[in-house]
Amino acid sequence: MIRLHTLGLAGALALLATVSAHAEGGDKAAGRTLVYTCAGCHGVPGYANAYPDYPVPKIAGQNEQYIITALNEYKSGDRTYPTMVAQAQSLTDQNIKDIAAYLSSITPTK
């Protein structure tokens, strides 16, 4: 009987962990609607900014945690590219997770 209760408790804990992990993650569908401003620079093949003059990195297919970290660093001012700071400061923490979930799910093109 104790073994049965233990198995039931283990199953319930596993279910709660799954629900909790999903609730904290990003929503790809929501992220897809939010990345329209990103495509202006990051989605144009061969595009480079005039100031400072460097190629814009491709973000499609980038690691999800990297995107979250980078956007949070722009939001806090730890990274200082003006356009990205302005974009990131307009995002909520959930927006950032949603964008990262969507972008990391894309297969990058060459």
C-alpha atoms as a PDB file:
ATOM      1  CA  MET A   1       0.000   0.000   0.000  1.00  0.00           C
ATOM      2  CA  ILE A   2       2.814   2.414   0.863  1.00  0.00           C
ATOM      3  CA  ARG A   3       4.492   1.608  -2.438  1.00  0.00           C
ATOM      4  CA  LEU A   4       1.282   2.490  -4.310  1.00  0.00           C
ATOM      5  CA  HIS A   5       1.027   5.842  -2.502  1.00  0.00           C
ATOM      6  CA  THR A   6       4.691   6.547  -3.230  1.00  0.00           C
ATOM      7  CA  LEU A   7       4.197   5.823  -6.929  1.00  0.00           C
ATOM      8  CA  GLY A   8       1.136   8.073  -6.984  1.00  0.00           C
ATOM      9  CA  LEU A   9       3.041  10.871  -5.291  1.00  0.00           C
ATOM     10  CA  ALA A  10       5.970  10.470  -7.684  1.00  0.00           C
ATOM     11  CA  GLY A  11       3.597  10.652 -10.644  1.00  0.00           C
ATOM     12  CA  ALA A  12       1.909  13.758  -9.291  1.00  0.00           C
ATOM     13  CA  LEU A  13       5.262  15.464  -8.694  1.00  0.00           C
ATOM     14  CA  ALA A  14       6.398  14.608 -12.219  1.00  0.00           C
ATOM     15  CA  LEU A  15       3.183  16.090 -13.628  1.00  0.00           C
ATOM     16  CA  LEU A  16       3.598  19.271 -11.562  1.00  0.00           C
ATOM     17  CA  ALA A  17       7.210  19.635 -12.710  1.00  0.00           C
ATOM     18  CA  THR A  18       6.133  19.318 -16.342  1.00  0.00           C
ATOM     19  CA  VAL A  19       3.335  21.869 -15.967  1.00  0.00           C
ATOM     20  CA  SER A  20       5.633  24.251 -14.082  1.00  0.00           C
ATOM     21  CA  ALA A  21       8.395  23.981 -16.683  1.00  0.00           C
ATOM     22  CA  HIS A  22       5.907  24.651 -19.478  1.00  0.00           C
ATOM     23  CA  ALA A  23       4.401  27.641 -17.676  1.00  0.00           C
ATOM     24  CA  GLU A  24       7.825  29.239 -17.276  1.00  0.00           C
ATOM     25  CA  GLY A  25       8.846  28.680 -20.898  1.00  0.00           C
ATOM     26  CA  GLY A  26       8.077  30.694 -23.967  1.00  0.00           C
ATOM     27  CA  ASP A  27       5.118  30.441 -26.302  1.00  0.00           C
ATOM     28  CA  LYS A  28       6.320  29.994 -29.891  1.00  0.00           C
ATOM     29  CA  ALA A  29       3.053  31.265 -31.382  1.00  0.00           C
ATOM     30  CA  ALA A  30       3.211  34.451 -29.313  1.00  0.00           C
ATOM     31  CA  GLY A  31       6.889  34.847 -30.173  1.00  0.00           C
ATOM     32  CA  ARG A  32       6.129  34.583 -33.868  1.00  0.00           C
ATOM     33  CA  THR A  33       3.888  37.648 -33.640  1.00  0.00           C
ATOM     34  CA  LEU A  34       6.511  39.588 -31.668  1.00  0.00           C
ATOM     35  CA  VAL A  35       9.519  39.123 -33.972  1.00  0.00           C
ATOM     36  CA  TYR A  36       8.200  41.355 -36.748  1.00  0.00           C
ATOM     37  CA  THR A  37      10.502  44.172 -35.604  1.00  0.00           C
ATOM     38  CA  CYS A  38      13.498  41.812 -35.430  1.00  0.00           C
ATOM     39  CA  ALA A  39      13.160  40.849 -39.089  1.00  0.00           C
ATOM     40  CA  GLY A  40      13.826  44.427 -40.170  1.00  0.00           C
ATOM     41  CA  CYS A  41      17.532  43.979 -39.423  1.00  0.00           C
ATOM     42  CA  HIS A  42      18.083  40.323 -38.601  1.00  0.00           C
ATOM     43  CA  GLY A  43      16.019  38.910 -41.451  1.00  0.00           C
ATOM     44  CA  VAL A  44      17.507  40.800 -44.389  1.00  0.00           C
ATOM     45  CA  PRO A  45      20.273  38.848 -46.177  1.00  0.00           C
ATOM     46  CA  GLY A  46      23.505  40.828 -46.452  1.00  0.00           C
ATOM     47  CA  TYR A  47      22.227  43.740 -44.342  1.00  0.00           C
ATOM     48  CA  ALA A  48      24.790  45.688 -42.292  1.00  0.00           C
ATOM     49  CA  ASN A  49      24.191  48.645 -39.990  1.00  0.00           C
ATOM     50  CA  ALA A  50      25.738  51.972 -40.940  1.00  0.00           C
ATOM     51  CA  TYR A  51      26.744  52.771 -37.339  1.00  0.00           C
ATOM     52  CA  PRO A  52      28.713  50.970 -36.147  1.00  0.00           C
ATOM     53  CA  ASP A  53      29.534  49.234 -39.401  1.00  0.00           C
ATOM     54  CA  TYR A  54      29.210  45.511 -38.768  1.00  0.00           C
ATOM     55  CA  PRO A  55      27.063  42.700 -40.125  1.00  0.00           C
ATOM     56  CA  VAL A  56      23.860  42.015 -38.231  1.00  0.00           C
ATOM     57  CA  PRO A  57      23.907  38.527 -36.711  1.00  0.00           C
ATOM     58  CA  LYS A  58      21.417  35.919 -37.834  1.00  0.00           C
ATOM     59  CA  ILE A  59      19.180  34.985 -34.930  1.00  0.00           C
ATOM     60  CA  ALA A  60      16.961  32.316 -36.513  1.00  0.00           C
ATOM     61  CA  GLY A  61      17.898  28.991 -34.964  1.00  0.00           C
ATOM     62  CA  GLN A  62      19.996  30.619 -32.235  1.00  0.00           C
ATOM     63  CA  ASN A  63      20.118  28.918 -28.825  1.00  0.00           C
ATOM     64  CA  GLU A  64      17.038  29.836 -26.766  1.00  0.00           C
ATOM     65  CA  GLN A  65      18.926  30.644 -23.551  1.00  0.00           C
ATOM     66  CA  TYR A  66      21.424  32.787 -25.495  1.00  0.00           C
ATOM     67  CA  ILE A  67      18.566  34.905 -26.893  1.00  0.00           C
ATOM     68  CA  ILE A  68      17.016  35.299 -23.438  1.00  0.00           C
ATOM     69  CA  THR A  69      20.349  36.291 -21.924  1.00  0.00           C
ATOM     70  CA  ALA A  70      21.183  38.738 -24.714  1.00  0.00           C
ATOM     71  CA  LEU A  71      17.790  40.461 -24.632  1.00  0.00           C
ATOM     72  CA  ASN A  72      17.916  40.737 -20.845  1.00  0.00           C
ATOM     73  CA  GLU A  73      21.408  42.236 -21.077  1.00  0.00           C
ATOM     74  CA  TYR A  74      20.195  44.814 -23.616  1.00  0.00           C
ATOM     75  CA  LYS A  75      17.187  45.528 -21.398  1.00  0.00           C
ATOM     76  CA  SER A  76      19.386  46.102 -18.331  1.00  0.00           C
ATOM     77  CA  GLY A  77      21.979  48.121 -20.227  1.00  0.00           C
ATOM     78  CA  ASP A  78      24.774  45.547 -19.824  1.00  0.00           C
ATOM     79  CA  ARG A  79      24.891  45.432 -23.641  1.00  0.00           C
ATOM     80  CA  THR A  80      24.704  48.860 -25.207  1.00  0.00           C
ATOM     81  CA  TYR A  81      23.779  48.824 -28.910  1.00  0.00           C
ATOM     82  CA  PRO A  82      21.166  51.656 -28.972  1.00  0.00           C
ATOM     83  CA  THR A  83      18.631  50.025 -31.287  1.00  0.00           C
ATOM     84  CA  MET A  84      18.662  46.769 -29.334  1.00  0.00           C
ATOM     85  CA  VAL A  85      18.458  48.575 -25.979  1.00  0.00           C
ATOM     86  CA  ALA A  86      15.333  50.418 -27.161  1.00  0.00           C
ATOM     87  CA  GLN A  87      13.776  47.220 -28.505  1.00  0.00           C
ATOM     88  CA  ALA A  88      14.562  45.138 -25.415  1.00  0.00           C
ATOM     89  CA  GLN A  89      13.309  47.764 -22.974  1.00  0.00           C
ATOM     90  CA  SER A  90       9.879  47.559 -24.585  1.00  0.00           C
ATOM     91  CA  LEU A  91       9.653  43.791 -23.902  1.00  0.00           C
ATOM     92  CA  THR A  92       8.289  42.023 -20.847  1.00  0.00           C
ATOM     93  CA  ASP A  93      10.093  38.999 -19.429  1.00  0.00           C
ATOM     94  CA  GLN A  94       7.404  36.790 -20.997  1.00  0.00           C
ATOM     95  CA  ASN A  95       7.837  38.535 -24.381  1.00  0.00           C
ATOM     96  CA  ILE A  96      11.542  37.708 -24.237  1.00  0.00           C
ATOM     97  CA  LYS A  97      10.830  34.047 -23.468  1.00  0.00           C
ATOM     98  CA  ASP A  98       8.266  33.889 -26.285  1.00  0.00           C
ATOM     99  CA  ILE A  99      10.642  35.449 -28.810  1.00  0.00           C
ATOM    100  CA  ALA A 100      13.457  33.108 -27.766  1.00  0.00           C
ATOM    101  CA  ALA A 101      11.182  30.059 -28.003  1.00  0.00           C
ATOM    102  CA  TYR A 102      10.121  30.996 -31.522  1.00  0.00           C
ATOM    103  CA  LEU A 103      13.525  32.030 -32.881  1.00  0.00           C
ATOM    104  CA  SER A 104      15.254  28.943 -31.499  1.00  0.00           C
ATOM    105  CA  SER A 105      12.680  26.723 -33.214  1.00  0.00           C
ATOM    106  CA  ILE A 106      13.446  28.057 -36.685  1.00  0.00           C
ATOM    107  CA  THR A 107      15.798  26.186 -38.982  1.00  0.00           C
ATOM    108  CA  PRO A 108      18.227  28.851 -40.213  1.00  0.00           C
ATOM    109  CA  THR A 109      18.634  29.442 -43.930  1.00  0.00           C
ATOM    110  CA  LYS A 110      21.984  29.997 -45.556  1.00  0.00           C
END
